[in-house]
PDB file of N, CA and C in Angstrom:
ATOM      1  N   MET A   1     -63.496  67.930 199.152  1.00  0.00           N
ATOM      2  CA  MET A   1     -62.993  69.325 198.736  1.00  0.00           C
ATOM      3  C   MET A   1     -63.785  69.808 197.430  1.00  0.00           C
ATOM      4  N   ASN A   2     -64.252  71.123 197.516  1.00  0.00           N
ATOM      5  CA  ASN A   2     -65.096  71.497 196.268  1.00  0.00           C
ATOM      6  C   ASN A   2     -64.087  71.580 195.078  1.00  0.00           C
ATOM      7  N   LYS A   3     -65.014  71.133 194.011  1.00  0.00           N
ATOM      8  CA  LYS A   3     -64.301  71.171 192.584  1.00  0.00           C
ATOM      9  C   LYS A   3     -63.713  72.572 192.125  1.00  0.00           C
ATOM     10  N   ARG A   4     -64.300  73.511 192.713  1.00  0.00           N
ATOM     11  CA  ARG A   4     -63.981  74.937 192.331  1.00  0.00           C
ATOM     12  C   ARG A   4     -62.675  75.278 193.077  1.00  0.00           C
ATOM     13  N   ASP A   5     -62.401  74.600 194.194  1.00  0.00           N
ATOM     14  CA  ASP A   5     -61.046  74.732 194.884  1.00  0.00           C
ATOM     15  C   ASP A   5     -59.984  74.269 194.021  1.00  0.00           C
ATOM     16  N   ASN A   6     -60.100  73.500 193.031  1.00  0.00           N
ATOM     17  CA  ASN A   6     -59.025  72.928 192.084  1.00  0.00           C
ATOM     18  C   ASN A   6     -58.948  73.631 190.839  1.00  0.00           C
ATOM     19  N   THR A   7     -59.606  74.809 190.688  1.00  0.00           N
ATOM     20  CA  THR A   7     -59.576  75.388 189.450  1.00  0.00           C
ATOM     21  C   THR A   7     -59.116  76.877 189.546  1.00  0.00           C
ATOM     22  N   THR A   8     -58.587  77.439 188.584  1.00  0.00           N
ATOM     23  CA  THR A   8     -58.112  78.867 188.593  1.00  0.00           C
ATOM     24  C   THR A   8     -58.411  79.336 187.295  1.00  0.00           C
ATOM     25  N   THR A   9     -58.328  80.709 187.156  1.00  0.00           N
ATOM     26  CA  THR A   9     -58.524  81.321 185.913  1.00  0.00           C
ATOM     27  C   THR A   9     -57.360  81.793 185.528  1.00  0.00           C
ATOM     28  N   VAL A  10     -57.012  81.828 184.176  1.00  0.00           N
ATOM     29  CA  VAL A  10     -55.971  82.330 183.288  1.00  0.00           C
ATOM     30  C   VAL A  10     -56.531  83.187 182.247  1.00  0.00           C
ATOM     31  N   GLU A  11     -55.681  84.205 181.950  1.00  0.00           N
ATOM     32  CA  GLU A  11     -56.220  85.106 180.707  1.00  0.00           C
ATOM     33  C   GLU A  11     -55.091  84.904 179.685  1.00  0.00           C
ATOM     34  N   LEU A  12     -55.630  84.628 178.437  1.00  0.00           N
ATOM     35  CA  LEU A  12     -54.742  84.530 177.184  1.00  0.00           C
ATOM     36  C   LEU A  12     -55.359  85.447 176.209  1.00  0.00           C
ATOM     37  N   LEU A  13     -54.823  86.243 175.681  1.00  0.00           N
ATOM     38  CA  LEU A  13     -55.161  87.248 174.654  1.00  0.00           C
ATOM     39  C   LEU A  13     -56.457  87.909 174.889  1.00  0.00           C
ATOM     40  N   GLY A  14     -56.778  88.129 176.155  1.00  0.00           N
ATOM     41  CA  GLY A  14     -57.965  88.864 176.668  1.00  0.00           C
ATOM     42  C   GLY A  14     -59.066  87.983 176.977  1.00  0.00           C
ATOM     43  N   LYS A  15     -58.974  86.605 176.730  1.00  0.00           N
ATOM     44  CA  LYS A  15     -59.955  85.687 177.139  1.00  0.00           C
ATOM     45  C   LYS A  15     -59.629  84.859 178.333  1.00  0.00           C
ATOM     46  N   GLU A  16     -60.625  84.654 179.172  1.00  0.00           N
ATOM     47  CA  GLU A  16     -60.294  83.897 180.512  1.00  0.00           C
ATOM     48  C   GLU A  16     -60.725  82.453 180.339  1.00  0.00           C
ATOM     49  N   TYR A  17     -59.768  81.649 180.696  1.00  0.00           N
ATOM     50  CA  TYR A  17     -59.999  80.357 180.742  1.00  0.00           C
ATOM     51  C   TYR A  17     -59.948  79.586 182.020  1.00  0.00           C
ATOM     52  N   GLN A  18     -60.870  78.577 182.479  1.00  0.00           N
ATOM     53  CA  GLN A  18     -60.748  77.976 183.643  1.00  0.00           C
ATOM     54  C   GLN A  18     -59.835  76.776 183.608  1.00  0.00           C
ATOM     55  N   VAL A  19     -58.958  76.582 184.369  1.00  0.00           N
ATOM     56  CA  VAL A  19     -58.007  75.503 184.268  1.00  0.00           C
ATOM     57  C   VAL A  19     -57.951  74.769 185.655  1.00  0.00           C
ATOM     58  N   ALA A  20     -58.086  73.569 185.577  1.00  0.00           N
ATOM     59  CA  ALA A  20     -57.889  72.544 186.591  1.00  0.00           C
ATOM     60  C   ALA A  20     -56.593  72.573 187.349  1.00  0.00           C
ATOM     61  N   CYS A  21     -56.412  72.955 188.542  1.00  0.00           N
ATOM     62  CA  CYS A  21     -54.931  73.101 189.294  1.00  0.00           C
ATOM     63  C   CYS A  21     -55.018  73.070 190.616  1.00  0.00           C
ATOM     64  N   PRO A  22     -54.291  72.396 191.295  1.00  0.00           N
ATOM     65  CA  PRO A  22     -54.272  72.279 192.677  1.00  0.00           C
ATOM     66  C   PRO A  22     -53.721  73.510 193.170  1.00  0.00           C
ATOM     67  N   PRO A  23     -54.365  74.082 194.575  1.00  0.00           N
ATOM     68  CA  PRO A  23     -54.007  75.338 195.037  1.00  0.00           C
ATOM     69  C   PRO A  23     -52.380  75.377 195.073  1.00  0.00           C
ATOM     70  N   GLU A  24     -51.726  74.405 195.444  1.00  0.00           N
ATOM     71  CA  GLU A  24     -50.327  74.463 195.621  1.00  0.00           C
ATOM     72  C   GLU A  24     -49.489  74.769 194.326  1.00  0.00           C
ATOM     73  N   ASN A  25     -50.052  74.602 193.151  1.00  0.00           N
ATOM     74  CA  ASN A  25     -49.340  74.864 191.956  1.00  0.00           C
ATOM     75  C   ASN A  25     -49.981  76.099 191.202  1.00  0.00           C
ATOM     76  N   ARG A  26     -50.863  76.761 191.755  1.00  0.00           N
ATOM     77  CA  ARG A  26     -51.528  77.935 191.173  1.00  0.00           C
ATOM     78  C   ARG A  26     -50.440  79.186 190.931  1.00  0.00           C
ATOM     79  N   GLN A  27     -49.454  79.254 191.624  1.00  0.00           N
ATOM     80  CA  GLN A  27     -48.403  80.448 191.254  1.00  0.00           C
ATOM     81  C   GLN A  27     -47.659  79.859 190.149  1.00  0.00           C
ATOM     82  N   ASP A  28     -47.241  78.638 189.974  1.00  0.00           N
ATOM     83  CA  ASP A  28     -46.583  78.311 188.808  1.00  0.00           C
ATOM     84  C   ASP A  28     -47.440  78.265 187.435  1.00  0.00           C
ATOM     85  N   LEU A  29     -48.614  78.001 187.691  1.00  0.00           N
ATOM     86  CA  LEU A  29     -49.648  78.039 186.453  1.00  0.00           C
ATOM     87  C   LEU A  29     -49.715  79.513 186.042  1.00  0.00           C
ATOM     88  N   ASN A  30     -49.971  80.396 186.917  1.00  0.00           N
ATOM     89  CA  ASN A  30     -50.146  81.667 186.721  1.00  0.00           C
ATOM     90  C   ASN A  30     -48.916  82.393 186.070  1.00  0.00           C
ATOM     91  N   ARG A  31     -47.692  81.910 186.402  1.00  0.00           N
ATOM     92  CA  ARG A  31     -46.519  82.410 185.850  1.00  0.00           C
ATOM     93  C   ARG A  31     -46.504  81.788 184.247  1.00  0.00           C
ATOM     94  N   ALA A  32     -46.729  80.498 184.191  1.00  0.00           N
ATOM     95  CA  ALA A  32     -46.623  80.044 182.792  1.00  0.00           C
ATOM     96  C   ALA A  32     -47.642  80.555 182.037  1.00  0.00           C
ATOM     97  N   ALA A  33     -48.833  80.968 182.478  1.00  0.00           N
ATOM     98  CA  ALA A  33     -49.833  81.669 181.551  1.00  0.00           C
ATOM     99  C   ALA A  33     -49.364  83.017 181.136  1.00  0.00           C
ATOM    100  N   GLN A  34     -48.720  83.596 182.175  1.00  0.00           N
ATOM    101  CA  GLN A  34     -48.338  85.039 181.678  1.00  0.00           C
ATOM    102  C   GLN A  34     -47.188  84.904 180.779  1.00  0.00           C
ATOM    103  N   LEU A  35     -46.381  83.947 180.851  1.00  0.00           N
ATOM    104  CA  LEU A  35     -45.203  83.830 179.855  1.00  0.00           C
ATOM    105  C   LEU A  35     -45.962  83.599 178.381  1.00  0.00           C
ATOM    106  N   LEU A  36     -46.946  82.539 178.511  1.00  0.00           N
ATOM    107  CA  LEU A  36     -47.558  82.208 177.158  1.00  0.00           C
ATOM    108  C   LEU A  36     -48.344  83.302 176.798  1.00  0.00           C
ATOM    109  N   ASN A  37     -48.951  84.147 177.493  1.00  0.00           N
ATOM    110  CA  ASN A  37     -49.861  85.334 177.065  1.00  0.00           C
ATOM    111  C   ASN A  37     -48.738  86.434 176.472  1.00  0.00           C
ATOM    112  N   SER A  38     -47.628  86.585 177.051  1.00  0.00           N
ATOM    113  CA  SER A  38     -46.636  87.538 176.512  1.00  0.00           C
ATOM    114  C   SER A  38     -46.222  86.957 175.195  1.00  0.00           C
ATOM    115  N   ARG A  39     -45.891  85.807 174.975  1.00  0.00           N
ATOM    116  CA  ARG A  39     -45.666  85.397 173.687  1.00  0.00           C
ATOM    117  C   ARG A  39     -46.437  85.410 172.573  1.00  0.00           C
ATOM    118  N   MET A  40     -47.755  85.183 172.960  1.00  0.00           N
ATOM    119  CA  MET A  40     -48.867  85.278 172.078  1.00  0.00           C
ATOM    120  C   MET A  40     -49.149  86.654 171.694  1.00  0.00           C
ATOM    121  N   GLN A  41     -49.072  87.668 172.704  1.00  0.00           N
ATOM    122  CA  GLN A  41     -49.077  88.863 172.337  1.00  0.00           C
ATOM    123  C   GLN A  41     -48.185  89.330 171.279  1.00  0.00           C
ATOM    124  N   GLU A  42     -46.953  88.986 171.437  1.00  0.00           N
ATOM    125  CA  GLU A  42     -45.778  89.437 170.660  1.00  0.00           C
ATOM    126  C   GLU A  42     -45.926  88.844 169.178  1.00  0.00           C
ATOM    127  N   ILE A  43     -46.514  87.555 169.058  1.00  0.00           N
ATOM    128  CA  ILE A  43     -46.853  86.903 167.680  1.00  0.00           C
ATOM    129  C   ILE A  43     -48.059  87.702 167.025  1.00  0.00           C
ATOM    130  N   LYS A  44     -48.896  87.817 167.762  1.00  0.00           N
ATOM    131  CA  LYS A  44     -50.270  88.582 167.257  1.00  0.00           C
ATOM    132  C   LYS A  44     -49.883  90.020 166.947  1.00  0.00           C
ATOM    133  N   GLY A  45     -48.890  90.664 167.612  1.00  0.00           N
ATOM    134  CA  GLY A  45     -48.448  91.989 167.307  1.00  0.00           C
ATOM    135  C   GLY A  45     -47.755  92.150 165.884  1.00  0.00           C
ATOM    136  N   GLN A  46     -47.057  90.833 165.514  1.00  0.00           N
ATOM    137  CA  GLN A  46     -46.416  90.826 164.228  1.00  0.00           C
ATOM    138  C   GLN A  46     -47.324  90.931 163.102  1.00  0.00           C
ATOM    139  N   GLY A  47     -48.584  90.502 163.309  1.00  0.00           N
ATOM    140  CA  GLY A  47     -49.531  90.583 162.200  1.00  0.00           C
ATOM    141  C   GLY A  47     -49.445  89.535 161.221  1.00  0.00           C
ATOM    142  N   LYS A  48     -48.565  88.524 161.312  1.00  0.00           N
ATOM    143  CA  LYS A  48     -48.421  87.613 160.299  1.00  0.00           C
ATOM    144  C   LYS A  48     -49.409  86.487 160.474  1.00  0.00           C
ATOM    145  N   LEU A  49     -49.860  86.318 161.688  1.00  0.00           N
ATOM    146  CA  LEU A  49     -50.904  85.147 162.088  1.00  0.00           C
ATOM    147  C   LEU A  49     -52.136  85.836 162.723  1.00  0.00           C
ATOM    148  N   TYR A  50     -53.356  85.459 162.280  1.00  0.00           N
ATOM    149  CA  TYR A  50     -54.522  86.051 162.654  1.00  0.00           C
ATOM    150  C   TYR A  50     -55.224  85.294 163.705  1.00  0.00           C
ATOM    151  N   GLY A  51     -55.429  83.950 163.510  1.00  0.00           N
ATOM    152  CA  GLY A  51     -56.273  83.166 164.270  1.00  0.00           C
ATOM    153  C   GLY A  51     -55.655  82.853 165.564  1.00  0.00           C
ATOM    154  N   THR A  52     -56.507  82.849 166.645  1.00  0.00           N
ATOM    155  CA  THR A  52     -55.984  82.581 168.080  1.00  0.00           C
ATOM    156  C   THR A  52     -55.299  81.394 168.320  1.00  0.00           C
ATOM    157  N   GLU A  53     -55.927  80.304 167.479  1.00  0.00           N
ATOM    158  CA  GLU A  53     -55.449  78.921 167.502  1.00  0.00           C
ATOM    159  C   GLU A  53     -54.058  78.749 167.048  1.00  0.00           C
ATOM    160  N   ARG A  54     -53.765  79.510 165.893  1.00  0.00           N
ATOM    161  CA  ARG A  54     -52.455  79.573 165.259  1.00  0.00           C
ATOM    162  C   ARG A  54     -51.462  80.426 165.947  1.00  0.00           C
ATOM    163  N   VAL A  55     -51.879  81.426 166.720  1.00  0.00           N
ATOM    164  CA  VAL A  55     -51.084  82.304 167.555  1.00  0.00           C
ATOM    165  C   VAL A  55     -50.644  81.361 168.702  1.00  0.00           C
ATOM    166  N   ALA A  56     -51.506  80.499 169.224  1.00  0.00           N
ATOM    167  CA  ALA A  56     -51.129  79.760 170.358  1.00  0.00           C
ATOM    168  C   ALA A  56     -50.214  78.633 169.991  1.00  0.00           C
ATOM    169  N   ILE A  57     -50.473  78.038 168.876  1.00  0.00           N
ATOM    170  CA  ILE A  57     -49.627  76.967 168.285  1.00  0.00           C
ATOM    171  C   ILE A  57     -48.188  77.572 168.076  1.00  0.00           C
ATOM    172  N   MET A  58     -48.123  78.741 167.556  1.00  0.00           N
ATOM    173  CA  MET A  58     -46.630  79.191 167.272  1.00  0.00           C
ATOM    174  C   MET A  58     -45.962  79.574 168.498  1.00  0.00           C
ATOM    175  N   ALA A  59     -46.811  80.089 169.409  1.00  0.00           N
ATOM    176  CA  ALA A  59     -46.261  80.616 170.808  1.00  0.00           C
ATOM    177  C   ALA A  59     -45.791  79.161 171.593  1.00  0.00           C
ATOM    178  N   ALA A  60     -46.577  78.174 171.510  1.00  0.00           N
ATOM    179  CA  ALA A  60     -46.207  76.859 172.219  1.00  0.00           C
ATOM    180  C   ALA A  60     -45.048  76.371 171.553  1.00  0.00           C
ATOM    181  N   LEU A  61     -44.870  76.389 170.132  1.00  0.00           N
ATOM    182  CA  LEU A  61     -43.670  75.934 169.496  1.00  0.00           C
ATOM    183  C   LEU A  61     -42.465  76.757 169.707  1.00  0.00           C
ATOM    184  N   ASN A  62     -42.435  77.970 169.941  1.00  0.00           N
ATOM    185  CA  ASN A  62     -41.413  79.014 170.363  1.00  0.00           C
ATOM    186  C   ASN A  62     -41.024  78.637 171.660  1.00  0.00           C
ATOM    187  N   LEU A  63     -41.818  78.473 172.705  1.00  0.00           N
ATOM    188  CA  LEU A  63     -41.554  78.119 174.024  1.00  0.00           C
ATOM    189  C   LEU A  63     -40.877  76.726 174.143  1.00  0.00           C
ATOM    190  N   ALA A  64     -41.434  75.723 173.509  1.00  0.00           N
ATOM    191  CA  ALA A  64     -40.900  74.478 173.201  1.00  0.00           C
ATOM    192  C   ALA A  64     -39.357  74.600 172.981  1.00  0.00           C
ATOM    193  N   TYR A  65     -39.185  75.270 171.714  1.00  0.00           N
ATOM    194  CA  TYR A  65     -37.935  75.302 171.239  1.00  0.00           C
ATOM    195  C   TYR A  65     -36.831  75.992 172.333  1.00  0.00           C
ATOM    196  N   ASP A  66     -37.365  77.097 172.925  1.00  0.00           N
ATOM    197  CA  ASP A  66     -36.499  77.690 173.966  1.00  0.00           C
ATOM    198  C   ASP A  66     -36.254  76.700 175.102  1.00  0.00           C
ATOM    199  N   PHE A  67     -37.317  75.928 175.457  1.00  0.00           N
ATOM    200  CA  PHE A  67     -36.894  75.039 176.632  1.00  0.00           C
ATOM    201  C   PHE A  67     -35.906  73.884 176.158  1.00  0.00           C
ATOM    202  N   LEU A  68     -35.962  73.456 175.094  1.00  0.00           N
ATOM    203  CA  LEU A  68     -35.124  72.434 174.612  1.00  0.00           C
ATOM    204  C   LEU A  68     -33.728  73.039 174.665  1.00  0.00           C
ATOM    205  N   ASN A  69     -33.614  74.214 173.906  1.00  0.00           N
ATOM    206  CA  ASN A  69     -32.281  74.832 173.800  1.00  0.00           C
ATOM    207  C   ASN A  69     -31.719  75.172 175.222  1.00  0.00           C
ATOM    208  N   ALA A  70     -32.584  75.306 176.316  1.00  0.00           N
ATOM    209  CA  ALA A  70     -32.119  75.792 177.529  1.00  0.00           C
ATOM    210  C   ALA A  70     -31.672  74.439 178.322  1.00  0.00           C
ATOM    211  N   THR A  71     -32.470  73.415 178.037  1.00  0.00           N
ATOM    212  CA  THR A  71     -32.133  72.213 178.903  1.00  0.00           C
ATOM    213  C   THR A  71     -31.213  71.199 178.135  1.00  0.00           C
ATOM    214  N   CYS A  72     -31.302  71.216 176.867  1.00  0.00           N
ATOM    215  CA  CYS A  72     -30.354  70.284 176.161  1.00  0.00           C
ATOM    216  C   CYS A  72     -29.438  71.084 175.165  1.00  0.00           C
ATOM    217  N   GLY A  73     -29.589  72.186 174.881  1.00  0.00           N
ATOM    218  CA  GLY A  73     -28.714  72.794 173.857  1.00  0.00           C
ATOM    219  C   GLY A  73     -29.018  72.486 172.552  1.00  0.00           C
ATOM    220  N   SER A  74     -28.754  73.226 171.652  1.00  0.00           N
ATOM    221  CA  SER A  74     -28.973  72.950 170.177  1.00  0.00           C
ATOM    222  C   SER A  74     -28.015  71.805 169.784  1.00  0.00           C
ATOM    223  N   GLU A  75     -28.240  71.108 168.619  1.00  0.00           N
ATOM    224  CA  GLU A  75     -27.335  70.178 167.985  1.00  0.00           C
ATOM    225  C   GLU A  75     -25.874  70.610 167.908  1.00  0.00           C
ATOM    226  N   ASN A  76     -25.850  71.928 167.443  1.00  0.00           N
ATOM    227  CA  ASN A  76     -24.495  72.717 167.299  1.00  0.00           C
ATOM    228  C   ASN A  76     -23.740  72.721 168.492  1.00  0.00           C
ATOM    229  N   THR A  77     -24.412  73.169 169.710  1.00  0.00           N
ATOM    230  CA  THR A  77     -23.900  73.344 170.839  1.00  0.00           C
ATOM    231  C   THR A  77     -23.302  72.066 171.476  1.00  0.00           C
ATOM    232  N   GLN A  78     -24.277  70.914 171.301  1.00  0.00           N
ATOM    233  CA  GLN A  78     -23.798  69.719 171.708  1.00  0.00           C
ATOM    234  C   GLN A  78     -22.843  69.055 171.092  1.00  0.00           C
ATOM    235  N   THR A  79     -22.548  69.288 169.746  1.00  0.00           N
ATOM    236  CA  THR A  79     -21.414  68.757 168.992  1.00  0.00           C
ATOM    237  C   THR A  79     -20.191  69.661 169.503  1.00  0.00           C
ATOM    238  N   GLU A  80     -20.285  70.895 169.620  1.00  0.00           N
ATOM    239  CA  GLU A  80     -19.097  71.724 170.100  1.00  0.00           C
ATOM    240  C   GLU A  80     -18.728  71.255 171.576  1.00  0.00           C
ATOM    241  N   ILE A  81     -19.552  70.982 172.412  1.00  0.00           N
ATOM    242  CA  ILE A  81     -19.364  70.444 173.661  1.00  0.00           C
ATOM    243  C   ILE A  81     -18.653  69.112 173.575  1.00  0.00           C
ATOM    244  N   LYS A  82     -19.111  68.136 172.691  1.00  0.00           N
ATOM    245  CA  LYS A  82     -18.295  66.926 172.590  1.00  0.00           C
ATOM    246  C   LYS A  82     -17.044  67.130 172.123  1.00  0.00           C
ATOM    247  N   LYS A  83     -16.757  68.109 170.899  1.00  0.00           N
ATOM    248  CA  LYS A  83     -15.540  68.358 170.741  1.00  0.00           C
ATOM    249  C   LYS A  83     -14.452  68.815 171.846  1.00  0.00           C
ATOM    250  N   ILE A  84     -15.105  69.770 172.698  1.00  0.00           N
ATOM    251  CA  ILE A  84     -14.276  70.363 173.609  1.00  0.00           C
ATOM    252  C   ILE A  84     -14.066  69.066 174.713  1.00  0.00           C
ATOM    253  N   ASN A  85     -14.982  68.394 175.059  1.00  0.00           N
ATOM    254  CA  ASN A  85     -14.789  67.256 175.928  1.00  0.00           C
ATOM    255  C   ASN A  85     -13.615  66.286 175.448  1.00  0.00           C
ATOM    256  N   HIS A  86     -13.642  65.977 174.205  1.00  0.00           N
ATOM    257  CA  HIS A  86     -12.555  65.151 173.368  1.00  0.00           C
ATOM    258  C   HIS A  86     -11.205  65.746 173.716  1.00  0.00           C
ATOM    259  N   LYS A  87     -11.010  67.083 173.405  1.00  0.00           N
ATOM    260  CA  LYS A  87      -9.896  67.781 173.399  1.00  0.00           C
ATOM    261  C   LYS A  87      -9.388  67.689 174.845  1.00  0.00           C
ATOM    262  N   ILE A  88     -10.179  67.932 175.877  1.00  0.00           N
ATOM    263  CA  ILE A  88      -9.907  67.851 177.351  1.00  0.00           C
ATOM    264  C   ILE A  88      -9.359  66.464 177.717  1.00  0.00           C
ATOM    265  N   GLU A  89     -10.223  65.329 177.275  1.00  0.00           N
ATOM    266  CA  GLU A  89      -9.850  64.082 177.692  1.00  0.00           C
ATOM    267  C   GLU A  89      -8.439  63.725 176.865  1.00  0.00           C
ATOM    268  N   SER A  90      -8.191  64.130 175.722  1.00  0.00           N
ATOM    269  CA  SER A  90      -6.824  63.866 175.024  1.00  0.00           C
ATOM    270  C   SER A  90      -5.710  64.532 175.614  1.00  0.00           C
ATOM    271  N   ALA A  91      -5.963  65.916 176.198  1.00  0.00           N
ATOM    272  CA  ALA A  91      -4.882  66.597 176.969  1.00  0.00           C
ATOM    273  C   ALA A  91      -4.585  65.882 178.072  1.00  0.00           C
ATOM    274  N   LEU A  92      -5.623  65.498 178.999  1.00  0.00           N
ATOM    275  CA  LEU A  92      -5.545  64.759 180.260  1.00  0.00           C
ATOM    276  C   LEU A  92      -4.811  63.486 180.075  1.00  0.00           C
ATOM    277  N   ALA A  93      -5.168  62.681 178.963  1.00  0.00           N
ATOM    278  CA  ALA A  93      -4.438  61.443 178.752  1.00  0.00           C
ATOM    279  C   ALA A  93      -3.016  61.505 178.356  1.00  0.00           C
ATOM    280  N   LYS A  94      -2.618  62.554 177.709  1.00  0.00           N
ATOM    281  CA  LYS A  94      -1.085  62.912 177.404  1.00  0.00           C
ATOM    282  C   LYS A  94      -0.511  63.256 178.508  1.00  0.00           C
ATOM    283  N   ASP A  95      -1.183  64.075 179.419  1.00  0.00           N
ATOM    284  CA  ASP A  95      -0.467  64.443 180.679  1.00  0.00           C
ATOM    285  C   ASP A  95      -0.308  63.420 181.631  1.00  0.00           C
ATOM    286  N   GLN A  96      -1.298  62.298 181.568  1.00  0.00           N
ATOM    287  CA  GLN A  96      -1.037  61.149 182.364  1.00  0.00           C
ATOM    288  C   GLN A  96       0.106  60.365 181.806  1.00  0.00           C
ATOM    289  N   GLN A  97       0.202  60.331 180.514  1.00  0.00           N
ATOM    290  CA  GLN A  97       1.199  59.522 179.959  1.00  0.00           C
ATOM    291  C   GLN A  97       2.668  60.036 180.401  1.00  0.00           C
ATOM    292  N   MET A  98       2.696  61.414 180.310  1.00  0.00           N
ATOM    293  CA  MET A  98       3.898  62.078 180.668  1.00  0.00           C
ATOM    294  C   MET A  98       4.233  61.976 182.195  1.00  0.00           C
ATOM    295  N   ASP A  99       3.254  61.751 183.174  1.00  0.00           N
ATOM    296  CA  ASP A  99       3.491  61.325 184.429  1.00  0.00           C
ATOM    297  C   ASP A  99       3.778  60.026 184.523  1.00  0.00           C
ATOM    298  N   LEU A 100       3.518  59.151 183.853  1.00  0.00           N
ATOM    299  CA  LEU A 100       3.871  57.671 183.923  1.00  0.00           C
ATOM    300  C   LEU A 100       5.254  57.517 183.636  1.00  0.00           C
ATOM    301  N   GLY A 101       5.764  58.377 182.442  1.00  0.00           N
ATOM    302  CA  GLY A 101       7.172  58.174 181.860  1.00  0.00           C
ATOM    303  C   GLY A 101       8.064  58.641 182.786  1.00  0.00           C
ATOM    304  N   ASP A 102       7.719  59.478 183.791  1.00  0.00           N
ATOM    305  CA  ASP A 102       8.723  60.345 184.782  1.00  0.00           C
ATOM    306  C   ASP A 102       9.306  59.339 185.703  1.00  0.00           C
TER     307      ASP A 102
END
């Protein structure tokens, strides 16, 4: 297989990058690159960060934060879920005790 068959080009902030990628993963890579590019454009548009490297790092941090919240939830969300689970377990335990008492 030709080495070029395993690469694709993505564009970030107007610059093209060659990335190693098997053909079957190109669509997902392109979607990820579009999302990253969009976030980088937003950050650059705020005018607070100037260097491409810093824009890329901030975009990566924002995406990682979003990913963690989507998959794990924030610590506050996890704490609230634990409280709700505890209340449900307590209610079920009381209900079970009532059933045993009958």
